[in-house]
């Protein structure tokens, strides 16, 4: 019976030891699970923190890129505005130059037209003067011819009838000689 009790005692001790081992195993397992969960949570927190940092960094990079793009657009807009302003000034200068050239051309054309008109007036005056002089010369010659004609007619009327008698008598040479003498002695025919 002592042996049975001893066995029972050993069995009870062994069971207690096994129970303790089981408890230790369960505790170790629980502790490992807790540690694993804790580590998993810590790792999850670290991952979340890294993801959050990466997201913040990505957002910061996006914002910096956006600002770079905005600055580039602003520079381009400023450059375009400056170039447009400069081109506007250049256009104004070119337009002013064109207007000045047009005015000078118009003034030169007007001056040339004035010179042409003056030359035309001078030419017309010269032609008119020449016509007047020619008319005066023609009139003077006509008057001289008329006077000569009247003188000749007057002389012919005063001539006595000798040439007519000679003519009738057939002495033509004497009549011609008489007229020749009359003509050469008259100052009108000199």
Protein backbone atom coordinates (compact mmCIF):
# COMPACT_ATOMS: atom_id res chain seq x y z
CA UNK A 1 0.00 0.00 0.00
CA UNK A 2 2.88 2.21 0.63
CA UNK A 3 3.92 1.52 -2.80
CA UNK A 4 0.52 2.49 -4.07
CA UNK A 5 0.61 5.62 -2.05
CA UNK A 6 4.09 6.30 -3.24
CA UNK A 7 3.04 5.71 -6.77
CA UNK A 8 0.09 7.88 -6.29
CA UNK A 9 2.31 10.54 -4.81
CA UNK A 10 4.71 10.23 -7.70
CA UNK A 11 1.86 10.31 -10.09
CA UNK A 12 0.42 13.35 -8.39
CA UNK A 13 3.81 15.05 -8.42
CA UNK A 14 4.28 14.12 -12.02
CA UNK A 15 0.85 15.45 -12.86
CA UNK A 16 1.60 18.62 -10.95
CA UNK A 17 4.86 18.92 -12.80
CA UNK A 18 3.11 18.30 -16.08
CA UNK A 19 0.42 20.78 -15.11
CA UNK A 20 3.11 23.32 -14.25
CA UNK A 21 4.89 22.58 -17.53
CA UNK A 22 1.61 22.90 -19.26
CA UNK A 23 0.97 26.17 -17.49
CA UNK A 24 4.47 27.33 -18.31
CA UNK A 25 4.01 26.23 -21.89
CA UNK A 26 0.67 27.96 -22.03
CA UNK A 27 2.14 31.02 -20.36
CA UNK A 28 5.13 30.93 -22.70
CA UNK A 29 2.84 30.44 -25.62
CA UNK A 30 0.62 33.25 -24.40
CA UNK A 31 3.66 35.40 -23.77
CA UNK A 32 4.99 34.57 -27.23
CA UNK A 33 1.62 35.37 -28.69
CA UNK A 34 1.48 38.58 -26.70
CA UNK A 35 5.04 39.44 -27.67
CA UNK A 36 4.25 38.53 -31.26
CA UNK A 37 1.11 40.64 -31.17
CA UNK A 38 3.02 43.46 -29.52
CA UNK A 39 5.79 43.18 -32.07
CA UNK A 40 3.18 42.97 -34.82
CA UNK A 41 1.49 46.08 -33.44
CA UNK A 42 4.83 47.85 -33.13
CA UNK A 43 5.74 46.76 -36.62
CA UNK A 44 2.29 47.85 -37.81
CA UNK A 45 2.80 51.22 -36.12
CA UNK A 46 6.24 51.52 -37.67
CA UNK A 47 4.85 50.56 -41.07
CA UNK A 48 1.98 53.01 -40.66
CA UNK A 49 4.44 55.69 -39.54
CA UNK A 50 6.68 54.96 -42.52
CA UNK A 51 3.67 54.93 -44.86
CA UNK A 52 2.51 58.21 -43.34
CA UNK A 53 6.00 59.68 -43.67
CA UNK A 54 6.22 58.41 -47.26
CA UNK A 55 2.79 59.90 -48.01
CA UNK A 56 3.80 63.20 -46.40
CA UNK A 57 7.05 63.15 -48.37
CA UNK A 58 5.15 62.34 -51.57
CA UNK A 59 2.71 65.18 -50.87
CA UNK A 60 5.62 67.52 -50.10
CA UNK A 61 7.30 66.50 -53.38
CA UNK A 62 4.03 66.98 -55.25
CA UNK A 63 3.61 70.42 -53.64
CA UNK A 64 7.22 71.33 -54.50
CA UNK A 65 6.67 70.12 -58.09
CA UNK A 66 3.44 72.08 -58.25
CA UNK A 67 5.23 75.19 -56.98
CA UNK A 68 8.04 74.64 -59.51
CA UNK A 69 5.46 74.34 -62.27
CA UNK A 70 3.66 77.45 -61.01
CA UNK A 71 6.96 79.35 -60.84
CA UNK A 72 7.86 78.16 -64.35
CA UNK A 73 4.42 79.20 -65.62
CA UNK A 74 4.83 82.56 -63.87
CA UNK A 75 8.27 83.04 -65.45
CA UNK A 76 6.88 82.10 -68.87
CA UNK A 77 3.91 84.44 -68.37
CA UNK A 78 6.25 87.25 -67.29
CA UNK A 79 8.51 86.57 -70.27
CA UNK A 80 5.54 86.53 -72.64
CA UNK A 81 4.19 89.73 -71.11
CA UNK A 82 7.62 91.37 -71.34
CA UNK A 83 8.04 90.20 -74.94
CA UNK A 84 4.51 91.34 -75.81
CA UNK A 85 5.20 94.69 -74.16
CA UNK A 86 8.50 94.97 -76.04
CA UNK A 87 6.83 93.94 -79.30
CA UNK A 88 4.12 96.52 -78.61
CA UNK A 89 6.81 99.17 -78.15
CA UNK A 90 8.53 97.95 -81.31
CA UNK A 91 5.19 98.04 -83.15
CA UNK A 92 4.58 101.57 -81.87
CA UNK A 93 8.07 102.62 -82.98
CA UNK A 94 7.60 100.97 -86.38
CA UNK A 95 4.16 102.57 -86.76
CA UNK A 96 5.56 105.98 -85.80
CA UNK A 97 8.41 105.47 -88.27
CA UNK A 98 5.95 104.38 -90.97
CA UNK A 99 3.77 107.44 -90.32
CA UNK A 100 6.84 109.71 -90.44
CA UNK A 101 7.97 108.09 -93.71
CA UNK A 102 4.46 108.43 -95.16
CA UNK A 103 4.39 112.09 -94.13
CA UNK A 104 7.79 112.70 -95.70
CA UNK A 105 6.72 110.90 -98.88
CA UNK A 106 3.49 112.92 -98.98
CA UNK A 107 5.45 116.16 -98.41
CA UNK A 108 7.93 115.19 -101.14
CA UNK A 109 5.06 114.31 -103.50
CA UNK A 110 3.35 117.59 -102.70
CA UNK A 111 6.60 119.49 -103.26
CA UNK A 112 7.20 117.62 -106.52
CA UNK A 113 3.63 118.33 -107.63
CA UNK A 114 4.13 122.01 -106.72
CA UNK A 115 7.37 122.10 -108.71
CA UNK A 116 5.65 120.40 -111.64
CA UNK A 117 2.77 122.90 -111.44
CA UNK A 118 5.24 125.79 -111.29
CA UNK A 119 7.19 124.37 -114.24
CA UNK A 120 3.96 123.85 -116.16
CA UNK A 121 2.86 127.42 -115.37
CA UNK A 122 6.27 128.72 -116.47
CA UNK A 123 6.08 126.67 -119.67
CA UNK A 124 2.53 127.86 -120.32
CA UNK A 125 3.60 131.45 -119.63
CA UNK A 126 6.56 131.02 -121.99
CA UNK A 127 4.30 129.54 -124.68
CA UNK A 128 1.76 132.31 -124.13
CA UNK A 129 4.52 134.94 -124.29
CA UNK A 130 5.88 133.36 -127.46
CA UNK A 131 2.38 133.33 -128.95
CA UNK A 132 1.85 136.95 -128.00
CA UNK A 133 5.23 137.90 -129.46
CA UNK A 134 4.49 135.86 -132.59
CA UNK A 135 1.05 137.50 -132.91
CA UNK A 136 2.62 140.92 -132.42
CA UNK A 137 5.29 140.15 -135.05
CA UNK A 138 2.67 138.80 -137.45
CA UNK A 139 0.46 141.84 -136.80
CA UNK A 140 3.42 144.16 -137.33
CA UNK A 141 4.35 142.41 -140.56
CA UNK A 142 0.75 142.48 -141.69
CA UNK A 143 0.68 146.21 -140.96
CA UNK A 144 3.95 146.71 -142.82
CA UNK A 145 2.68 144.66 -145.76
CA UNK A 146 -0.59 146.55 -145.74
CA UNK A 147 1.30 149.86 -145.69
CA UNK A 148 3.56 148.67 -148.48
CA UNK A 149 0.55 147.51 -150.46
CA UNK A 150 -1.27 150.78 -149.89
CA UNK A 151 1.88 152.73 -150.88
CA UNK A 152 2.28 150.61 -153.97
CA UNK A 153 -1.34 151.08 -154.92
CA UNK A 154 -1.01 154.80 -154.30
CA UNK A 155 2.14 154.96 -156.44
CA UNK A 156 0.48 152.97 -159.14
CA UNK A 157 -2.43 155.37 -159.18
CA UNK A 158 -0.06 158.36 -159.41
CA UNK A 159 1.90 156.85 -162.23
CA UNK A 160 1.13 158.65 -165.46
CA UNK A 161 -0.19 156.84 -168.36
CA UNK A 162 3.10 156.45 -170.18
CA UNK A 163 3.59 152.84 -169.29
CA UNK A 164 0.07 152.08 -170.36
CA UNK A 165 0.69 153.79 -173.69
CA UNK A 166 3.97 151.91 -174.11
CA UNK A 167 2.20 148.71 -173.27
CA UNK A 168 -0.44 149.44 -175.79
CA UNK A 169 2.15 150.31 -178.35
CA UNK A 170 3.85 146.98 -177.82
CA UNK A 171 6.93 148.30 -176.15
CA UNK A 172 6.95 145.88 -173.29
CA UNK A 173 10.65 146.22 -172.54
CA UNK A 174 10.35 149.91 -171.85
CA UNK A 175 7.40 149.34 -169.52
CA UNK A 176 9.37 146.76 -167.56
CA UNK A 177 12.39 149.04 -167.39
CA UNK A 178 10.18 151.86 -166.13
CA UNK A 179 8.70 149.68 -163.38
CA UNK A 180 12.14 148.41 -162.43
CA UNK A 181 13.44 151.95 -162.05
CA UNK A 182 10.39 152.92 -160.06
CA UNK A 183 10.78 149.93 -157.75
CA UNK A 184 14.53 150.40 -157.22
CA UNK A 185 14.21 154.09 -156.50
CA UNK A 186 11.39 153.59 -153.96
CA UNK A 187 12.74 153.32 -150.35
CA UNK A 188 9.86 151.01 -149.53
CA UNK A 189 11.51 148.21 -151.53
CA UNK A 190 15.02 148.72 -150.27
